[in-house]
């Protein structure tokens, strides 16, 4: 199964929020972190050091894009539109 990165952020809480929205629409996803961000997050409670990707099945891209748009995001955004 081909996978794609649908969302990227440095905020672990934001990544969890996006994953929850995707999961509520039955879109499977997982977080892929780079570096020591997860370990530091456990120690400090939160980090904005390393990039976090939200990965989904490629066939769910259109539906996931709709979910992100309903949250105020467009492809490539890290912050919701005002």
PDB file of N, CA and C in Angstrom:
ATOM      1  N   UNK A   1       0.846  -1.171   0.000  1.00  0.00           N
ATOM      2  CA  UNK A   1       0.000   0.000   0.000  1.00  0.00           C
ATOM      3  C   UNK A   1       0.899   1.244   0.000  1.00  0.00           C
ATOM      4  N   UNK A   2       0.628   2.139  -0.917  1.00  0.00           N
ATOM      5  CA  UNK A   2       1.392   3.385  -0.990  1.00  0.00           C
ATOM      6  C   UNK A   2       0.898   4.346   0.083  1.00  0.00           C
ATOM      7  N   UNK A   3       1.838   5.046   0.702  1.00  0.00           N
ATOM      8  CA  UNK A   3       1.515   6.032   1.739  1.00  0.00           C
ATOM      9  C   UNK A   3       2.035   7.396   1.327  1.00  0.00           C
ATOM     10  N   UNK A   4       1.372   8.438   1.838  1.00  0.00           N
ATOM     11  CA  UNK A   4       1.808   9.809   1.579  1.00  0.00           C
ATOM     12  C   UNK A   4       1.783  10.602   2.877  1.00  0.00           C
ATOM     13  N   UNK A   5       2.566  11.661   2.912  1.00  0.00           N
ATOM     14  CA  UNK A   5       2.519  12.606   4.023  1.00  0.00           C
ATOM     15  C   UNK A   5       1.474  13.660   3.677  1.00  0.00           C
ATOM     16  N   UNK A   6       0.449  13.771   4.512  1.00  0.00           N
ATOM     17  CA  UNK A   6      -0.642  14.713   4.248  1.00  0.00           C
ATOM     18  C   UNK A   6      -0.477  16.008   5.042  1.00  0.00           C
ATOM     19  N   UNK A   7       0.315  15.968   6.120  1.00  0.00           N
ATOM     20  CA  UNK A   7       0.440  17.137   6.988  1.00  0.00           C
ATOM     21  C   UNK A   7       1.788  17.082   7.692  1.00  0.00           C
ATOM     22  N   UNK A   8       2.406  18.231   7.870  1.00  0.00           N
ATOM     23  CA  UNK A   8       3.686  18.340   8.562  1.00  0.00           C
ATOM     24  C   UNK A   8       3.623  19.491   9.555  1.00  0.00           C
ATOM     25  N   UNK A   9       4.147  19.255  10.750  1.00  0.00           N
ATOM     26  CA  UNK A   9       4.162  20.286  11.777  1.00  0.00           C
ATOM     27  C   UNK A   9       5.353  20.051  12.709  1.00  0.00           C
ATOM     28  N   UNK A  10       5.616  21.010  13.563  1.00  0.00           N
ATOM     29  CA  UNK A  10       6.617  20.851  14.613  1.00  0.00           C
ATOM     30  C   UNK A  10       5.950  20.748  15.982  1.00  0.00           C
ATOM     31  N   UNK A  11       4.624  20.820  16.032  1.00  0.00           N
ATOM     32  CA  UNK A  11       3.851  20.846  17.269  1.00  0.00           C
ATOM     33  C   UNK A  11       3.168  19.491  17.477  1.00  0.00           C
ATOM     34  N   UNK A  12       3.575  18.767  18.511  1.00  0.00           N
ATOM     35  CA  UNK A  12       3.027  17.430  18.740  1.00  0.00           C
ATOM     36  C   UNK A  12       1.536  17.465  19.056  1.00  0.00           C
ATOM     37  N   UNK A  13       1.072  18.513  19.748  1.00  0.00           N
ATOM     38  CA  UNK A  13      -0.356  18.613  20.050  1.00  0.00           C
ATOM     39  C   UNK A  13      -1.159  18.838  18.772  1.00  0.00           C
ATOM     40  N   UNK A  14      -0.635  19.635  17.872  1.00  0.00           N
ATOM     41  CA  UNK A  14      -1.309  19.882  16.591  1.00  0.00           C
ATOM     42  C   UNK A  14      -1.353  18.596  15.767  1.00  0.00           C
ATOM     43  N   UNK A  15      -0.274  17.845  15.782  1.00  0.00           N
ATOM     44  CA  UNK A  15      -0.248  16.569  15.068  1.00  0.00           C
ATOM     45  C   UNK A  15      -1.312  15.622  15.620  1.00  0.00           C
ATOM     46  N   UNK A  16      -1.447  15.576  16.936  1.00  0.00           N
ATOM     47  CA  UNK A  16      -2.473  14.726  17.551  1.00  0.00           C
ATOM     48  C   UNK A  16      -3.874  15.194  17.184  1.00  0.00           C
ATOM     49  N   UNK A  17      -4.068  16.489  17.129  1.00  0.00           N
ATOM     50  CA  UNK A  17      -5.372  17.051  16.756  1.00  0.00           C
ATOM     51  C   UNK A  17      -5.744  16.665  15.319  1.00  0.00           C
ATOM     52  N   UNK A  18      -4.796  16.762  14.415  1.00  0.00           N
ATOM     53  CA  UNK A  18      -5.039  16.396  13.019  1.00  0.00           C
ATOM     54  C   UNK A  18      -5.311  14.898  12.911  1.00  0.00           C
ATOM     55  N   UNK A  19      -4.518  14.085  13.603  1.00  0.00           N
ATOM     56  CA  UNK A  19      -4.749  12.632  13.581  1.00  0.00           C
ATOM     57  C   UNK A  19      -6.132  12.282  14.104  1.00  0.00           C
ATOM     58  N   UNK A  20      -6.558  12.924  15.167  1.00  0.00           N
ATOM     59  CA  UNK A  20      -7.884  12.640  15.727  1.00  0.00           C
ATOM     60  C   UNK A  20      -8.985  12.973  14.724  1.00  0.00           C
ATOM     61  N   UNK A  21      -8.833  14.082  14.020  1.00  0.00           N
ATOM     62  CA  UNK A  21      -9.828  14.468  13.011  1.00  0.00           C
ATOM     63  C   UNK A  21      -9.859  13.454  11.872  1.00  0.00           C
ATOM     64  N   UNK A  22      -8.697  13.001  11.439  1.00  0.00           N
ATOM     65  CA  UNK A  22      -8.634  12.001  10.373  1.00  0.00           C
ATOM     66  C   UNK A  22      -9.251  10.681  10.833  1.00  0.00           C
ATOM     67  N   UNK A  23      -8.895  10.260  12.031  1.00  0.00           N
ATOM     68  CA  UNK A  23      -9.426   9.006  12.569  1.00  0.00           C
ATOM     69  C   UNK A  23     -10.944   9.064  12.733  1.00  0.00           C
ATOM     70  N   UNK A  24     -11.483  10.243  13.092  1.00  0.00           N
ATOM     71  CA  UNK A  24     -12.938  10.375  13.248  1.00  0.00           C
ATOM     72  C   UNK A  24     -13.668  10.191  11.917  1.00  0.00           C
ATOM     73  N   UNK A  25     -12.941  10.384  10.806  1.00  0.00           N
ATOM     74  CA  UNK A  25     -13.498  10.169   9.462  1.00  0.00           C
ATOM     75  C   UNK A  25     -13.069   8.819   8.895  1.00  0.00           C
ATOM     76  N   UNK A  26     -12.572   7.939   9.784  1.00  0.00           N
ATOM     77  CA  UNK A  26     -12.160   6.580   9.401  1.00  0.00           C
ATOM     78  C   UNK A  26     -10.984   6.564   8.417  1.00  0.00           C
ATOM     79  N   UNK A  27     -10.107   7.569   8.538  1.00  0.00           N
ATOM     80  CA  UNK A  27      -8.900   7.625   7.718  1.00  0.00           C
ATOM     81  C   UNK A  27      -7.734   7.190   8.604  1.00  0.00           C
ATOM     82  N   UNK A  28      -7.151   6.027   8.344  1.00  0.00           N
ATOM     83  CA  UNK A  28      -6.021   5.593   9.174  1.00  0.00           C
ATOM     84  C   UNK A  28      -4.820   6.509   8.967  1.00  0.00           C
ATOM     85  N   UNK A  29      -4.104   6.759  10.047  1.00  0.00           N
ATOM     86  CA  UNK A  29      -2.933   7.635   9.968  1.00  0.00           C
ATOM     87  C   UNK A  29      -1.958   7.277  11.084  1.00  0.00           C
ATOM     88  N   UNK A  30      -0.745   7.749  10.924  1.00  0.00           N
ATOM     89  CA  UNK A  30       0.232   7.635  11.999  1.00  0.00           C
ATOM     90  C   UNK A  30       1.197   8.809  11.932  1.00  0.00           C
ATOM     91  N   UNK A  31       1.852   9.063  13.077  1.00  0.00           N
ATOM     92  CA  UNK A  31       2.838  10.132  13.156  1.00  0.00           C
ATOM     93  C   UNK A  31       4.215   9.543  12.882  1.00  0.00           C
ATOM     94  N   UNK A  32       4.978  10.262  12.070  1.00  0.00           N
ATOM     95  CA  UNK A  32       6.362   9.879  11.811  1.00  0.00           C
ATOM     96  C   UNK A  32       7.225  11.054  12.245  1.00  0.00           C
ATOM     97  N   UNK A  33       8.048  10.817  13.270  1.00  0.00           N
ATOM     98  CA  UNK A  33       8.905  11.867  13.805  1.00  0.00           C
ATOM     99  C   UNK A  33      10.334  11.652  13.359  1.00  0.00           C
ATOM    100  N   UNK A  34      11.055  12.736  13.260  1.00  0.00           N
ATOM    101  CA  UNK A  34      12.464  12.688  12.878  1.00  0.00           C
ATOM    102  C   UNK A  34      13.294  13.199  14.045  1.00  0.00           C
ATOM    103  N   UNK A  35      14.377  12.545  14.311  1.00  0.00           N
ATOM    104  CA  UNK A  35      15.256  12.999  15.383  1.00  0.00           C
ATOM    105  C   UNK A  35      14.795  12.514  16.745  1.00  0.00           C
ATOM    106  N   UNK A  36      15.190  13.242  17.780  1.00  0.00           N
ATOM    107  CA  UNK A  36      14.912  12.853  19.163  1.00  0.00           C
ATOM    108  C   UNK A  36      13.672  13.524  19.722  1.00  0.00           C
ATOM    109  N   UNK A  37      12.837  14.088  18.891  1.00  0.00           N
ATOM    110  CA  UNK A  37      11.671  14.831  19.344  1.00  0.00           C
ATOM    111  C   UNK A  37      10.748  14.067  20.260  1.00  0.00           C
ATOM    112  N   UNK A  38      10.485  12.787  19.968  1.00  0.00           N
ATOM    113  CA  UNK A  38       9.590  12.000  20.811  1.00  0.00           C
ATOM    114  C   UNK A  38      10.170  11.813  22.208  1.00  0.00           C
ATOM    115  N   UNK A  39      11.443  11.534  22.283  1.00  0.00           N
ATOM    116  CA  UNK A  39      12.078  11.326  23.580  1.00  0.00           C
ATOM    117  C   UNK A  39      12.091  12.619  24.397  1.00  0.00           C
ATOM    118  N   UNK A  40      12.393  13.716  23.749  1.00  0.00           N
ATOM    119  CA  UNK A  40      12.391  14.993  24.451  1.00  0.00           C
ATOM    120  C   UNK A  40      10.981  15.374  24.876  1.00  0.00           C
ATOM    121  N   UNK A  41       9.990  15.018  24.054  1.00  0.00           N
ATOM    122  CA  UNK A  41       8.603  15.296  24.399  1.00  0.00           C
ATOM    123  C   UNK A  41       8.175  14.576  25.661  1.00  0.00           C
ATOM    124  N   UNK A  42       8.647  13.358  25.853  1.00  0.00           N
ATOM    125  CA  UNK A  42       8.344  12.609  27.074  1.00  0.00           C
ATOM    126  C   UNK A  42       8.996  13.298  28.267  1.00  0.00           C
ATOM    127  N   UNK A  43      10.213  13.735  28.104  1.00  0.00           N
ATOM    128  CA  UNK A  43      10.954  14.358  29.195  1.00  0.00           C
ATOM    129  C   UNK A  43      10.423  15.747  29.540  1.00  0.00           C
ATOM    130  N   UNK A  44      10.193  16.573  28.520  1.00  0.00           N
ATOM    131  CA  UNK A  44       9.780  17.954  28.743  1.00  0.00           C
ATOM    132  C   UNK A  44       8.265  18.161  28.645  1.00  0.00           C
ATOM    133  N   UNK A  45       7.554  17.183  28.144  1.00  0.00           N
ATOM    134  CA  UNK A  45       6.113  17.324  28.005  1.00  0.00           C
ATOM    135  C   UNK A  45       5.687  17.796  26.623  1.00  0.00           C
ATOM    136  N   UNK A  46       6.548  18.537  25.951  1.00  0.00           N
ATOM    137  CA  UNK A  46       6.231  19.053  24.618  1.00  0.00           C
ATOM    138  C   UNK A  46       7.504  19.607  23.993  1.00  0.00           C
ATOM    139  N   UNK A  47       7.659  19.374  22.696  1.00  0.00           N
ATOM    140  CA  UNK A  47       8.788  19.968  22.000  1.00  0.00           C
ATOM    141  C   UNK A  47       8.341  20.483  20.645  1.00  0.00           C
ATOM    142  N   UNK A  48       9.037  21.453  20.155  1.00  0.00           N
ATOM    143  CA  UNK A  48       8.815  21.982  18.808  1.00  0.00           C
ATOM    144  C   UNK A  48      10.130  21.937  18.040  1.00  0.00           C
ATOM    145  N   UNK A  49      10.921  20.917  18.319  1.00  0.00           N
ATOM    146  CA  UNK A  49      12.263  20.832  17.758  1.00  0.00           C
ATOM    147  C   UNK A  49      12.279  20.107  16.421  1.00  0.00           C
ATOM    148  N   UNK A  50      11.617  18.976  16.346  1.00  0.00           N
ATOM    149  CA  UNK A  50      11.697  18.125  15.165  1.00  0.00           C
ATOM    150  C   UNK A  50      10.386  18.074  14.412  1.00  0.00           C
ATOM    151  N   UNK A  51      10.525  17.848  13.136  1.00  0.00           N
ATOM    152  CA  UNK A  51       9.372  17.773  12.252  1.00  0.00           C
ATOM    153  C   UNK A  51       8.576  16.493  12.520  1.00  0.00           C
ATOM    154  N   UNK A  52       7.251  16.625  12.500  1.00  0.00           N
ATOM    155  CA  UNK A  52       6.346  15.494  12.657  1.00  0.00           C
ATOM    156  C   UNK A  52       5.489  15.425  11.395  1.00  0.00           C
ATOM    157  N   UNK A  53       5.463  14.271  10.765  1.00  0.00           N
ATOM    158  CA  UNK A  53       4.649  14.069   9.578  1.00  0.00           C
ATOM    159  C   UNK A  53       3.438  13.217   9.944  1.00  0.00           C
ATOM    160  N   UNK A  54       2.287  13.538   9.362  1.00  0.00           N
ATOM    161  CA  UNK A  54       1.109  12.695   9.454  1.00  0.00           C
ATOM    162  C   UNK A  54       1.022  11.938   8.131  1.00  0.00           C
ATOM    163  N   UNK A  55       1.077  10.617   8.228  1.00  0.00           N
ATOM    164  CA  UNK A  55       1.127   9.754   7.051  1.00  0.00           C
ATOM    165  C   UNK A  55      -0.193   8.988   6.935  1.00  0.00           C
ATOM    166  N   UNK A  56      -0.718   8.921   5.702  1.00  0.00           N
ATOM    167  CA  UNK A  56      -1.984   8.238   5.427  1.00  0.00           C
ATOM    168  C   UNK A  56      -1.834   7.362   4.178  1.00  0.00           C
ATOM    169  N   UNK A  57      -2.789   6.457   3.948  1.00  0.00           N
ATOM    170  CA  UNK A  57      -2.787   5.729   2.678  1.00  0.00           C
ATOM    171  C   UNK A  57      -3.039   6.697   1.527  1.00  0.00           C
ATOM    172  N   UNK A  58      -2.343   6.504   0.423  1.00  0.00           N
ATOM    173  CA  UNK A  58      -2.458   7.421  -0.717  1.00  0.00           C
ATOM    174  C   UNK A  58      -3.895   7.519  -1.224  1.00  0.00           C
ATOM    175  N   UNK A  59      -4.641   6.424  -1.173  1.00  0.00           N
ATOM    176  CA  UNK A  59      -6.008   6.453  -1.697  1.00  0.00           C
ATOM    177  C   UNK A  59      -6.961   7.303  -0.845  1.00  0.00           C
ATOM    178  N   UNK A  60      -6.541   7.701   0.348  1.00  0.00           N
ATOM    179  CA  UNK A  60      -7.376   8.535   1.214  1.00  0.00           C
ATOM    180  C   UNK A  60      -7.036  10.020   1.083  1.00  0.00           C
ATOM    181  N   UNK A  61      -6.179  10.390   0.142  1.00  0.00           N
ATOM    182  CA  UNK A  61      -5.696  11.767   0.047  1.00  0.00           C
ATOM    183  C   UNK A  61      -6.824  12.779  -0.145  1.00  0.00           C
ATOM    184  N   UNK A  62      -7.748  12.528  -1.044  1.00  0.00           N
ATOM    185  CA  UNK A  62      -8.821  13.498  -1.293  1.00  0.00           C
ATOM    186  C   UNK A  62      -9.683  13.714  -0.061  1.00  0.00           C
ATOM    187  N   UNK A  63     -10.077  12.626   0.585  1.00  0.00           N
ATOM    188  CA  UNK A  63     -10.915  12.732   1.785  1.00  0.00           C
ATOM    189  C   UNK A  63     -10.152  13.431   2.916  1.00  0.00           C
ATOM    190  N   UNK A  64      -8.871  13.082   3.082  1.00  0.00           N
ATOM    191  CA  UNK A  64      -8.052  13.702   4.121  1.00  0.00           C
ATOM    192  C   UNK A  64      -7.862  15.193   3.848  1.00  0.00           C
ATOM    193  N   UNK A  65      -7.688  15.562   2.597  1.00  0.00           N
ATOM    194  CA  UNK A  65      -7.552  16.983   2.243  1.00  0.00           C
ATOM    195  C   UNK A  65      -8.823  17.749   2.616  1.00  0.00           C
ATOM    196  N   UNK A  66      -9.976  17.127   2.408  1.00  0.00           N
ATOM    197  CA  UNK A  66     -11.245  17.753   2.796  1.00  0.00           C
ATOM    198  C   UNK A  66     -11.319  17.954   4.308  1.00  0.00           C
ATOM    199  N   UNK A  67     -10.859  16.962   5.057  1.00  0.00           N
ATOM    200  CA  UNK A  67     -10.849  17.066   6.524  1.00  0.00           C
ATOM    201  C   UNK A  67      -9.946  18.217   6.957  1.00  0.00           C
ATOM    202  N   UNK A  68      -8.744  18.285   6.395  1.00  0.00           N
ATOM    203  CA  UNK A  68      -7.818  19.366   6.752  1.00  0.00           C
ATOM    204  C   UNK A  68      -8.384  20.722   6.365  1.00  0.00           C
ATOM    205  N   UNK A  69      -9.017  20.803   5.213  1.00  0.00           N
ATOM    206  CA  UNK A  69      -9.622  22.062   4.785  1.00  0.00           C
ATOM    207  C   UNK A  69     -10.726  22.493   5.750  1.00  0.00           C
ATOM    208  N   UNK A  70     -11.499  21.535   6.242  1.00  0.00           N
ATOM    209  CA  UNK A  70     -12.565  21.869   7.194  1.00  0.00           C
ATOM    210  C   UNK A  70     -11.993  22.368   8.523  1.00  0.00           C
ATOM    211  N   UNK A  71     -10.724  22.037   8.796  1.00  0.00           N
ATOM    212  CA  UNK A  71     -10.043  22.507  10.002  1.00  0.00           C
ATOM    213  C   UNK A  71      -9.362  23.854   9.778  1.00  0.00           C
ATOM    214  N   UNK A  72      -9.403  24.351   8.534  1.00  0.00           N
ATOM    215  CA  UNK A  72      -8.786  25.640   8.233  1.00  0.00           C
ATOM    216  C   UNK A  72      -7.420  25.544   7.605  1.00  0.00           C
ATOM    217  N   UNK A  73      -7.003  24.338   7.222  1.00  0.00           N
ATOM    218  CA  UNK A  73      -5.699  24.137   6.601  1.00  0.00           C
ATOM    219  C   UNK A  73      -5.857  23.988   5.096  1.00  0.00           C
ATOM    220  N   UNK A  74      -4.814  24.372   4.378  1.00  0.00           N
ATOM    221  CA  UNK A  74      -4.698  24.033   2.971  1.00  0.00           C
ATOM    222  C   UNK A  74      -3.400  23.272   2.810  1.00  0.00           C
ATOM    223  N   UNK A  75      -3.242  22.555   1.742  1.00  0.00           N
ATOM    224  CA  UNK A  75      -2.031  21.751   1.542  1.00  0.00           C
ATOM    225  C   UNK A  75      -0.794  22.625   1.677  1.00  0.00           C
ATOM    226  N   UNK A  76       0.138  22.215   2.528  1.00  0.00           N
ATOM    227  CA  UNK A  76       1.375  22.957   2.728  1.00  0.00           C
ATOM    228  C   UNK A  76       1.337  23.890   3.930  1.00  0.00           C
ATOM    229  N   UNK A  77       0.152  24.108   4.509  1.00  0.00           N
ATOM    230  CA  UNK A  77       0.034  24.984   5.673  1.00  0.00           C
ATOM    231  C   UNK A  77       0.433  24.243   6.949  1.00  0.00           C
ATOM    232  N   UNK A  78       1.003  24.985   7.887  1.00  0.00           N
ATOM    233  CA  UNK A  78       1.222  24.466   9.220  1.00  0.00           C
ATOM    234  C   UNK A  78       0.311  25.161  10.218  1.00  0.00           C
ATOM    235  N   UNK A  79      -0.272  26.254   9.840  1.00  0.00           N
ATOM    236  CA  UNK A  79      -1.161  27.009  10.713  1.00  0.00           C
ATOM    237  C   UNK A  79      -2.524  27.138  10.024  1.00  0.00           C
ATOM    238  N   UNK A  80      -3.626  27.046  10.798  1.00  0.00           N
ATOM    239  CA  UNK A  80      -4.938  27.257  10.189  1.00  0.00           C
ATOM    240  C   UNK A  80      -5.056  28.668   9.649  1.00  0.00           C
ATOM    241  N   UNK A  81      -5.843  28.794   8.563  1.00  0.00           N
ATOM    242  CA  UNK A  81      -6.077  30.135   8.015  1.00  0.00           C
ATOM    243  C   UNK A  81      -6.929  30.940   8.978  1.00  0.00           C
ATOM    244  N   UNK A  82      -6.664  32.222   9.063  1.00  0.00           N
ATOM    245  CA  UNK A  82      -7.413  33.091   9.982  1.00  0.00           C
ATOM    246  C   UNK A  82      -8.782  33.417   9.422  1.00  0.00           C
TER     247      UNK A  82
END
